[in-house]
Amino acid sequence: GESDPGALLDRVLDDLRSWTGGRIRDDVALM
């Protein structure tokens, strides 16, 4: 539920790291 683009990217990346236990194995690009 973020409305700021930068904050949304930060939240998604934090959530993705949490989901993977910090083990992101592939490249991730967000815009």
PDB file of all heavy atoms in Angstrom:
ATOM      1  N   GLY A   1       0.753  -1.246   0.000  1.00  0.00           N
ATOM      2  CA  GLY A   1       0.000   0.000   0.000  1.00  0.00           C
ATOM      3  C   GLY A   1       0.783   1.296   0.000  1.00  0.00           C
ATOM      4  O   GLY A   1       0.324   2.276   0.555  1.00  0.00           O
ATOM      5  N   GLU A   2       1.952   1.329  -0.576  1.00  0.00           N
ATOM      6  CA  GLU A   2       2.725   2.574  -0.673  1.00  0.00           C
ATOM      7  C   GLU A   2       2.244   3.405  -1.848  1.00  0.00           C
ATOM      8  O   GLU A   2       1.853   2.872  -2.878  1.00  0.00           O
ATOM      9  CB  GLU A   2       4.213   2.271  -0.866  1.00  0.00           C
ATOM     10  CG  GLU A   2       4.922   1.825   0.369  1.00  0.00           C
ATOM     11  CD  GLU A   2       5.013   2.874   1.449  1.00  0.00           C
ATOM     12  OE1 GLU A   2       4.876   4.075   1.160  1.00  0.00           O
ATOM     13  OE2 GLU A   2       5.216   2.483   2.600  1.00  0.00           O
ATOM     14  N   SER A   3       2.305   4.728  -1.706  1.00  0.00           N
ATOM     15  CA  SER A   3       1.932   5.607  -2.813  1.00  0.00           C
ATOM     16  C   SER A   3       3.139   6.340  -3.395  1.00  0.00           C
ATOM     17  O   SER A   3       3.040   6.932  -4.450  1.00  0.00           O
ATOM     18  CB  SER A   3       0.876   6.618  -2.367  1.00  0.00           C
ATOM     19  OG  SER A   3       1.388   7.417  -1.326  1.00  0.00           O
ATOM     20  N   ASP A   4       4.268   6.278  -2.705  1.00  0.00           N
ATOM     21  CA  ASP A   4       5.498   6.910  -3.202  1.00  0.00           C
ATOM     22  C   ASP A   4       6.319   5.861  -3.949  1.00  0.00           C
ATOM     23  O   ASP A   4       6.575   4.772  -3.404  1.00  0.00           O
ATOM     24  CB  ASP A   4       6.306   7.456  -2.028  1.00  0.00           C
ATOM     25  CG  ASP A   4       7.643   8.003  -2.476  1.00  0.00           C
ATOM     26  OD1 ASP A   4       7.656   9.069  -3.121  1.00  0.00           O
ATOM     27  OD2 ASP A   4       8.665   7.339  -2.199  1.00  0.00           O
ATOM     28  N   PRO A   5       6.731   6.141  -5.203  1.00  0.00           N
ATOM     29  CA  PRO A   5       7.473   5.139  -5.982  1.00  0.00           C
ATOM     30  C   PRO A   5       8.735   4.626  -5.283  1.00  0.00           C
ATOM     31  O   PRO A   5       8.978   3.414  -5.254  1.00  0.00           O
ATOM     32  CB  PRO A   5       7.810   5.860  -7.288  1.00  0.00           C
ATOM     33  CG  PRO A   5       6.774   6.923  -7.417  1.00  0.00           C
ATOM     34  CD  PRO A   5       6.465   7.345  -6.010  1.00  0.00           C
ATOM     35  N   GLY A   6       9.527   5.518  -4.723  1.00  0.00           N
ATOM     36  CA  GLY A   6      10.760   5.096  -4.053  1.00  0.00           C
ATOM     37  C   GLY A   6      10.482   4.229  -2.842  1.00  0.00           C
ATOM     38  O   GLY A   6      11.147   3.211  -2.618  1.00  0.00           O
ATOM     39  N   ALA A   7       9.486   4.623  -2.053  1.00  0.00           N
ATOM     40  CA  ALA A   7       9.115   3.840  -0.871  1.00  0.00           C
ATOM     41  C   ALA A   7       8.561   2.482  -1.276  1.00  0.00           C
ATOM     42  O   ALA A   7       8.824   1.471  -0.610  1.00  0.00           O
ATOM     43  CB  ALA A   7       8.093   4.610  -0.035  1.00  0.00           C
ATOM     44  N   LEU A   8       7.799   2.433  -2.365  1.00  0.00           N
ATOM     45  CA  LEU A   8       7.279   1.159  -2.858  1.00  0.00           C
ATOM     46  C   LEU A   8       8.421   0.212  -3.214  1.00  0.00           C
ATOM     47  O   LEU A   8       8.417  -0.954  -2.830  1.00  0.00           O
ATOM     48  CB  LEU A   8       6.373   1.366  -4.066  1.00  0.00           C
ATOM     49  CG  LEU A   8       5.879   0.089  -4.744  1.00  0.00           C
ATOM     50  CD1 LEU A   8       4.998  -0.712  -3.797  1.00  0.00           C
ATOM     51  CD2 LEU A   8       5.140   0.413  -6.029  1.00  0.00           C
ATOM     52  N   LEU A   9       9.422   0.716  -3.937  1.00  0.00           N
ATOM     53  CA  LEU A   9      10.566  -0.119  -4.312  1.00  0.00           C
ATOM     54  C   LEU A   9      11.288  -0.639  -3.075  1.00  0.00           C
ATOM     55  O   LEU A   9      11.641  -1.822  -3.007  1.00  0.00           O
ATOM     56  CB  LEU A   9      11.518   0.661  -5.211  1.00  0.00           C
ATOM     57  CG  LEU A   9      10.967   1.066  -6.574  1.00  0.00           C
ATOM     58  CD1 LEU A   9      11.989   1.925  -7.316  1.00  0.00           C
ATOM     59  CD2 LEU A   9      10.566  -0.140  -7.397  1.00  0.00           C
ATOM     60  N   ASP A  10      11.493   0.231  -2.089  1.00  0.00           N
ATOM     61  CA  ASP A  10      12.156  -0.199  -0.852  1.00  0.00           C
ATOM     62  C   ASP A  10      11.357  -1.283  -0.147  1.00  0.00           C
ATOM     63  O   ASP A  10      11.915  -2.289   0.303  1.00  0.00           O
ATOM     64  CB  ASP A  10      12.344   0.988   0.091  1.00  0.00           C
ATOM     65  CG  ASP A  10      13.389   1.982  -0.391  1.00  0.00           C
ATOM     66  OD1 ASP A  10      14.223   1.606  -1.243  1.00  0.00           O
ATOM     67  OD2 ASP A  10      13.360   3.131   0.085  1.00  0.00           O
ATOM     68  N   ARG A  11      10.042  -1.094  -0.057  1.00  0.00           N
ATOM     69  CA  ARG A  11       9.186  -2.068   0.636  1.00  0.00           C
ATOM     70  C   ARG A  11       9.160  -3.406  -0.094  1.00  0.00           C
ATOM     71  O   ARG A  11       9.206  -4.464   0.536  1.00  0.00           O
ATOM     72  CB  ARG A  11       7.763  -1.531   0.780  1.00  0.00           C
ATOM     73  CG  ARG A  11       7.591  -0.316   1.669  1.00  0.00           C
ATOM     74  CD  ARG A  11       7.480  -0.630   3.160  1.00  0.00           C
ATOM     75  NE  ARG A  11       6.515  -1.643   3.510  1.00  0.00           N
ATOM     76  CZ  ARG A  11       5.239  -1.429   3.797  1.00  0.00           C
ATOM     77  NH1 ARG A  11       4.741  -0.213   3.746  1.00  0.00           N
ATOM     78  NH2 ARG A  11       4.452  -2.428   4.133  1.00  0.00           N
ATOM     79  N   VAL A  12       9.070  -3.373  -1.427  1.00  0.00           N
ATOM     80  CA  VAL A  12       9.050  -4.620  -2.192  1.00  0.00           C
ATOM     81  C   VAL A  12      10.373  -5.368  -2.021  1.00  0.00           C
ATOM     82  O   VAL A  12      10.393  -6.573  -1.794  1.00  0.00           O
ATOM     83  CB  VAL A  12       8.727  -4.375  -3.686  1.00  0.00           C
ATOM     84  CG1 VAL A  12       8.939  -5.637  -4.505  1.00  0.00           C
ATOM     85  CG2 VAL A  12       7.302  -3.865  -3.856  1.00  0.00           C
ATOM     86  N   LEU A  13      11.491  -4.643  -2.125  1.00  0.00           N
ATOM     87  CA  LEU A  13      12.792  -5.298  -1.949  1.00  0.00           C
ATOM     88  C   LEU A  13      12.946  -5.875  -0.549  1.00  0.00           C
ATOM     89  O   LEU A  13      13.450  -6.989  -0.380  1.00  0.00           O
ATOM     90  CB  LEU A  13      13.924  -4.321  -2.256  1.00  0.00           C
ATOM     91  CG  LEU A  13      14.211  -4.109  -3.728  1.00  0.00           C
ATOM     92  CD1 LEU A  13      15.250  -2.994  -3.911  1.00  0.00           C
ATOM     93  CD2 LEU A  13      14.689  -5.388  -4.395  1.00  0.00           C
ATOM     94  N   ASP A  14      12.517  -5.131   0.469  1.00  0.00           N
ATOM     95  CA  ASP A  14      12.581  -5.651   1.839  1.00  0.00           C
ATOM     96  C   ASP A  14      11.725  -6.906   1.984  1.00  0.00           C
ATOM     97  O   ASP A  14      12.141  -7.884   2.606  1.00  0.00           O
ATOM     98  CB  ASP A  14      12.106  -4.592   2.841  1.00  0.00           C
ATOM     99  CG  ASP A  14      13.100  -3.462   3.026  1.00  0.00           C
ATOM    100  OD1 ASP A  14      14.269  -3.598   2.596  1.00  0.00           O
ATOM    101  OD2 ASP A  14      12.703  -2.423   3.597  1.00  0.00           O
ATOM    102  N   ASP A  15      10.518  -6.871   1.395  1.00  0.00           N
ATOM    103  CA  ASP A  15       9.623  -8.014   1.475  1.00  0.00           C
ATOM    104  C   ASP A  15      10.183  -9.216   0.715  1.00  0.00           C
ATOM    105  O   ASP A  15      10.087 -10.354   1.171  1.00  0.00           O
ATOM    106  CB  ASP A  15       8.235  -7.639   0.939  1.00  0.00           C
ATOM    107  CG  ASP A  15       7.206  -8.702   1.225  1.00  0.00           C
ATOM    108  OD1 ASP A  15       7.020  -9.048   2.421  1.00  0.00           O
ATOM    109  OD2 ASP A  15       6.588  -9.206   0.271  1.00  0.00           O
ATOM    110  N   LEU A  16      10.793  -8.943  -0.433  1.00  0.00           N
ATOM    111  CA  LEU A  16      11.403 -10.012  -1.225  1.00  0.00           C
ATOM    112  C   LEU A  16      12.561 -10.653  -0.466  1.00  0.00           C
ATOM    113  O   LEU A  16      12.703 -11.879  -0.437  1.00  0.00           O
ATOM    114  CB  LEU A  16      11.873  -9.452  -2.572  1.00  0.00           C
ATOM    115  CG  LEU A  16      12.357 -10.442  -3.611  1.00  0.00           C
ATOM    116  CD1 LEU A  16      11.255 -11.422  -3.986  1.00  0.00           C
ATOM    117  CD2 LEU A  16      12.836  -9.703  -4.846  1.00  0.00           C
ATOM    118  N   ARG A  17      13.377  -9.838   0.176  1.00  0.00           N
ATOM    119  CA  ARG A  17      14.479 -10.379   0.983  1.00  0.00           C
ATOM    120  C   ARG A  17      13.948 -11.218   2.146  1.00  0.00           C
ATOM    121  O   ARG A  17      14.498 -12.268   2.477  1.00  0.00           O
ATOM    122  CB  ARG A  17      15.356  -9.248   1.506  1.00  0.00           C
ATOM    123  CG  ARG A  17      16.223  -8.625   0.449  1.00  0.00           C
ATOM    124  CD  ARG A  17      17.182  -7.586   1.061  1.00  0.00           C
ATOM    125  NE  ARG A  17      17.822  -6.837   0.020  1.00  0.00           N
ATOM    126  CZ  ARG A  17      17.556  -5.574  -0.286  1.00  0.00           C
ATOM    127  NH1 ARG A  17      16.657  -4.901   0.404  1.00  0.00           N
ATOM    128  NH2 ARG A  17      18.194  -4.967  -1.258  1.00  0.00           N
ATOM    129  N   SER A  18      12.867 -10.733   2.757  1.00  0.00           N
ATOM    130  CA  SER A  18      12.252 -11.484   3.847  1.00  0.00           C
ATOM    131  C   SER A  18      11.702 -12.822   3.341  1.00  0.00           C
ATOM    132  O   SER A  18      11.894 -13.866   3.978  1.00  0.00           O
ATOM    133  CB  SER A  18      11.126 -10.655   4.461  1.00  0.00           C
ATOM    134  OG  SER A  18      10.436 -11.383   5.441  1.00  0.00           O
ATOM    135  N   TRP A  19      11.029 -12.803   2.195  1.00  0.00           N
ATOM    136  CA  TRP A  19      10.435 -14.010   1.599  1.00  0.00           C
ATOM    137  C   TRP A  19      11.513 -15.070   1.316  1.00  0.00           C
ATOM    138  O   TRP A  19      11.310 -16.251   1.557  1.00  0.00           O
ATOM    139  CB  TRP A  19       9.713 -13.627   0.314  1.00  0.00           C
ATOM    140  CG  TRP A  19       9.125 -14.781  -0.433  1.00  0.00           C
ATOM    141  CD1 TRP A  19       9.689 -15.450  -1.480  1.00  0.00           C
ATOM    142  CD2 TRP A  19       7.864 -15.418  -0.205  1.00  0.00           C
ATOM    143  NE1 TRP A  19       8.864 -16.451  -1.915  1.00  0.00           N
ATOM    144  CE2 TRP A  19       7.725 -16.453  -1.141  1.00  0.00           C
ATOM    145  CE3 TRP A  19       6.837 -15.205   0.711  1.00  0.00           C
ATOM    146  CZ2 TRP A  19       6.615 -17.275  -1.194  1.00  0.00           C
ATOM    147  CZ3 TRP A  19       5.724 -16.019   0.652  1.00  0.00           C
ATOM    148  CH2 TRP A  19       5.622 -17.043  -0.297  1.00  0.00           C
ATOM    149  N   THR A  20      12.649 -14.612   0.801  1.00  0.00           N
ATOM    150  CA  THR A  20      13.708 -15.542   0.398  1.00  0.00           C
ATOM    151  C   THR A  20      14.699 -15.844   1.523  1.00  0.00           C
ATOM    152  O   THR A  20      15.634 -16.611   1.319  1.00  0.00           O
ATOM    153  CB  THR A  20      14.509 -14.981  -0.802  1.00  0.00           C
ATOM    154  OG1 THR A  20      15.152 -13.766  -0.399  1.00  0.00           O
ATOM    155  CG2 THR A  20      13.619 -14.749  -1.999  1.00  0.00           C
ATOM    156  N   GLY A  21      14.507 -15.227   2.667  1.00  0.00           N
ATOM    157  CA  GLY A  21      15.475 -15.407   3.752  1.00  0.00           C
ATOM    158  C   GLY A  21      16.802 -14.752   3.420  1.00  0.00           C
ATOM    159  O   GLY A  21      17.854 -15.178   3.886  1.00  0.00           O
ATOM    160  N   GLY A  22      16.747 -13.707   2.580  1.00  0.00           N
ATOM    161  CA  GLY A  22      17.958 -12.992   2.182  1.00  0.00           C
ATOM    162  C   GLY A  22      18.759 -13.684   1.097  1.00  0.00           C
ATOM    163  O   GLY A  22      19.872 -13.275   0.788  1.00  0.00           O
ATOM    164  N   ARG A  23      18.209 -14.734   0.504  1.00  0.00           N
ATOM    165  CA  ARG A  23      18.920 -15.520  -0.511  1.00  0.00           C
ATOM    166  C   ARG A  23      18.299 -15.327  -1.889  1.00  0.00           C
ATOM    167  O   ARG A  23      17.692 -16.232  -2.433  1.00  0.00           O
ATOM    168  CB  ARG A  23      18.899 -17.007  -0.153  1.00  0.00           C
ATOM    169  CG  ARG A  23      19.554 -17.329   1.166  1.00  0.00           C
ATOM    170  CD  ARG A  23      19.177 -18.704   1.642  1.00  0.00           C
ATOM    171  NE  ARG A  23      17.714 -18.709   1.811  1.00  0.00           N
ATOM    172  CZ  ARG A  23      16.921 -19.678   1.413  1.00  0.00           C
ATOM    173  NH1 ARG A  23      17.396 -20.755   0.882  1.00  0.00           N
ATOM    174  NH2 ARG A  23      15.617 -19.599   1.570  1.00  0.00           N
ATOM    175  N   ILE A  24      18.447 -14.156  -2.453  1.00  0.00           N
ATOM    176  CA  ILE A  24      17.947 -13.910  -3.807  1.00  0.00           C
ATOM    177  C   ILE A  24      18.979 -14.481  -4.775  1.00  0.00           C
ATOM    178  O   ILE A  24      20.122 -14.052  -4.800  1.00  0.00           O
ATOM    179  CB  ILE A  24      17.703 -12.406  -4.048  1.00  0.00           C
ATOM    180  CG1 ILE A  24      16.646 -11.900  -3.069  1.00  0.00           C
ATOM    181  CG2 ILE A  24      17.296 -12.156  -5.492  1.00  0.00           C
ATOM    182  CD1 ILE A  24      16.428 -10.412  -3.111  1.00  0.00           C
ATOM    183  N   ARG A  25      18.576 -15.463  -5.568  1.00  0.00           N
ATOM    184  CA  ARG A  25      19.518 -16.203  -6.418  1.00  0.00           C
ATOM    185  C   ARG A  25      19.603 -15.686  -7.856  1.00  0.00           C
ATOM    186  O   ARG A  25      20.505 -16.041  -8.579  1.00  0.00           O
ATOM    187  CB  ARG A  25      19.107 -17.678  -6.456  1.00  0.00           C
ATOM    188  CG  ARG A  25      18.953 -18.292  -5.091  1.00  0.00           C
ATOM    189  CD  ARG A  25      20.024 -19.305  -4.852  1.00  0.00           C
ATOM    190  NE  ARG A  25      19.785 -20.015  -3.607  1.00  0.00           N
ATOM    191  CZ  ARG A  25      20.598 -19.908  -2.575  1.00  0.00           C
ATOM    192  NH1 ARG A  25      21.655 -19.159  -2.628  1.00  0.00           N
ATOM    193  NH2 ARG A  25      20.341 -20.581  -1.470  1.00  0.00           N
ATOM    194  N   ASP A  26      18.636 -14.892  -8.259  1.00  0.00           N
ATOM    195  CA  ASP A  26      18.582 -14.384  -9.635  1.00  0.00           C
ATOM    196  C   ASP A  26      18.636 -12.863  -9.589  1.00  0.00           C
ATOM    197  O   ASP A  26      18.427 -12.257  -8.536  1.00  0.00           O
ATOM    198  CB  ASP A  26      17.279 -14.867 -10.293  1.00  0.00           C
ATOM    199  CG  ASP A  26      17.284 -14.730 -11.811  1.00  0.00           C
ATOM    200  OD1 ASP A  26      18.282 -14.235 -12.374  1.00  0.00           O
ATOM    201  OD2 ASP A  26      16.286 -15.112 -12.435  1.00  0.00           O
ATOM    202  N   ASP A  27      18.912 -12.256 -10.743  1.00  0.00           N
ATOM    203  CA  ASP A  27      18.897 -10.797 -10.790  1.00  0.00           C
ATOM    204  C   ASP A  27      17.451 -10.314 -10.662  1.00  0.00           C
ATOM    205  O   ASP A  27      16.527 -10.939 -11.143  1.00  0.00           O
ATOM    206  CB  ASP A  27      19.524 -10.274 -12.076  1.00  0.00           C
ATOM    207  CG  ASP A  27      18.804 -10.771 -13.318  1.00  0.00           C
ATOM    208  OD1 ASP A  27      18.550 -11.983 -13.394  1.00  0.00           O
ATOM    209  OD2 ASP A  27      18.483  -9.956 -14.188  1.00  0.00           O
ATOM    210  N   VAL A  28      17.298  -9.203  -9.965  1.00  0.00           N
ATOM    211  CA  VAL A  28      15.984  -8.599  -9.741  1.00  0.00           C
ATOM    212  C   VAL A  28      16.060  -7.149 -10.195  1.00  0.00           C
ATOM    213  O   VAL A  28      16.948  -6.411  -9.791  1.00  0.00           O
ATOM    214  CB  VAL A  28      15.603  -8.657  -8.239  1.00  0.00           C
ATOM    215  CG1 VAL A  28      14.364  -7.830  -7.961  1.00  0.00           C
ATOM    216  CG2 VAL A  28      15.396 -10.096  -7.799  1.00  0.00           C
ATOM    217  N   ALA A  29      15.132  -6.760 -11.059  1.00  0.00           N
ATOM    218  CA  ALA A  29      15.031  -5.360 -11.477  1.00  0.00           C
ATOM    219  C   ALA A  29      13.597  -4.905 -11.242  1.00  0.00           C
ATOM    220  O   ALA A  29      12.646  -5.605 -11.590  1.00  0.00           O
ATOM    221  CB  ALA A  29      15.399  -5.200 -12.948  1.00  0.00           C
ATOM    222  N   LEU A  30      13.458  -3.751 -10.609  1.00  0.00           N
ATOM    223  CA  LEU A  30      12.157  -3.160 -10.317  1.00  0.00           C
ATOM    224  C   LEU A  30      12.150  -1.724 -10.802  1.00  0.00           C
ATOM    225  O   LEU A  30      13.160  -1.021 -10.707  1.00  0.00           O
ATOM    226  CB  LEU A  30      11.885  -3.157  -8.809  1.00  0.00           C
ATOM    227  CG  LEU A  30      11.874  -4.484  -8.076  1.00  0.00           C
ATOM    228  CD1 LEU A  30      11.957  -4.256  -6.586  1.00  0.00           C
ATOM    229  CD2 LEU A  30      10.612  -5.240  -8.421  1.00  0.00           C
ATOM    230  N   MET A  31      11.001  -1.275 -11.292  1.00  0.00           N
ATOM    231  CA  MET A  31      10.833   0.115 -11.678  1.00  0.00           C
ATOM    232  C   MET A  31       9.417   0.527 -11.284  1.00  0.00           C
ATOM    233  O   MET A  31       8.455  -0.185 -11.590  1.00  0.00           O
ATOM    234  CB  MET A  31      11.024   0.311 -13.183  1.00  0.00           C
ATOM    235  CG  MET A  31      10.889   1.754 -13.607  1.00  0.00           C
ATOM    236  SD  MET A  31      10.937   1.997 -15.405  1.00  0.00           S
ATOM    237  CE  MET A  31      12.418   1.174 -15.872  1.00  0.00           C
TER     238      MET A  31
END
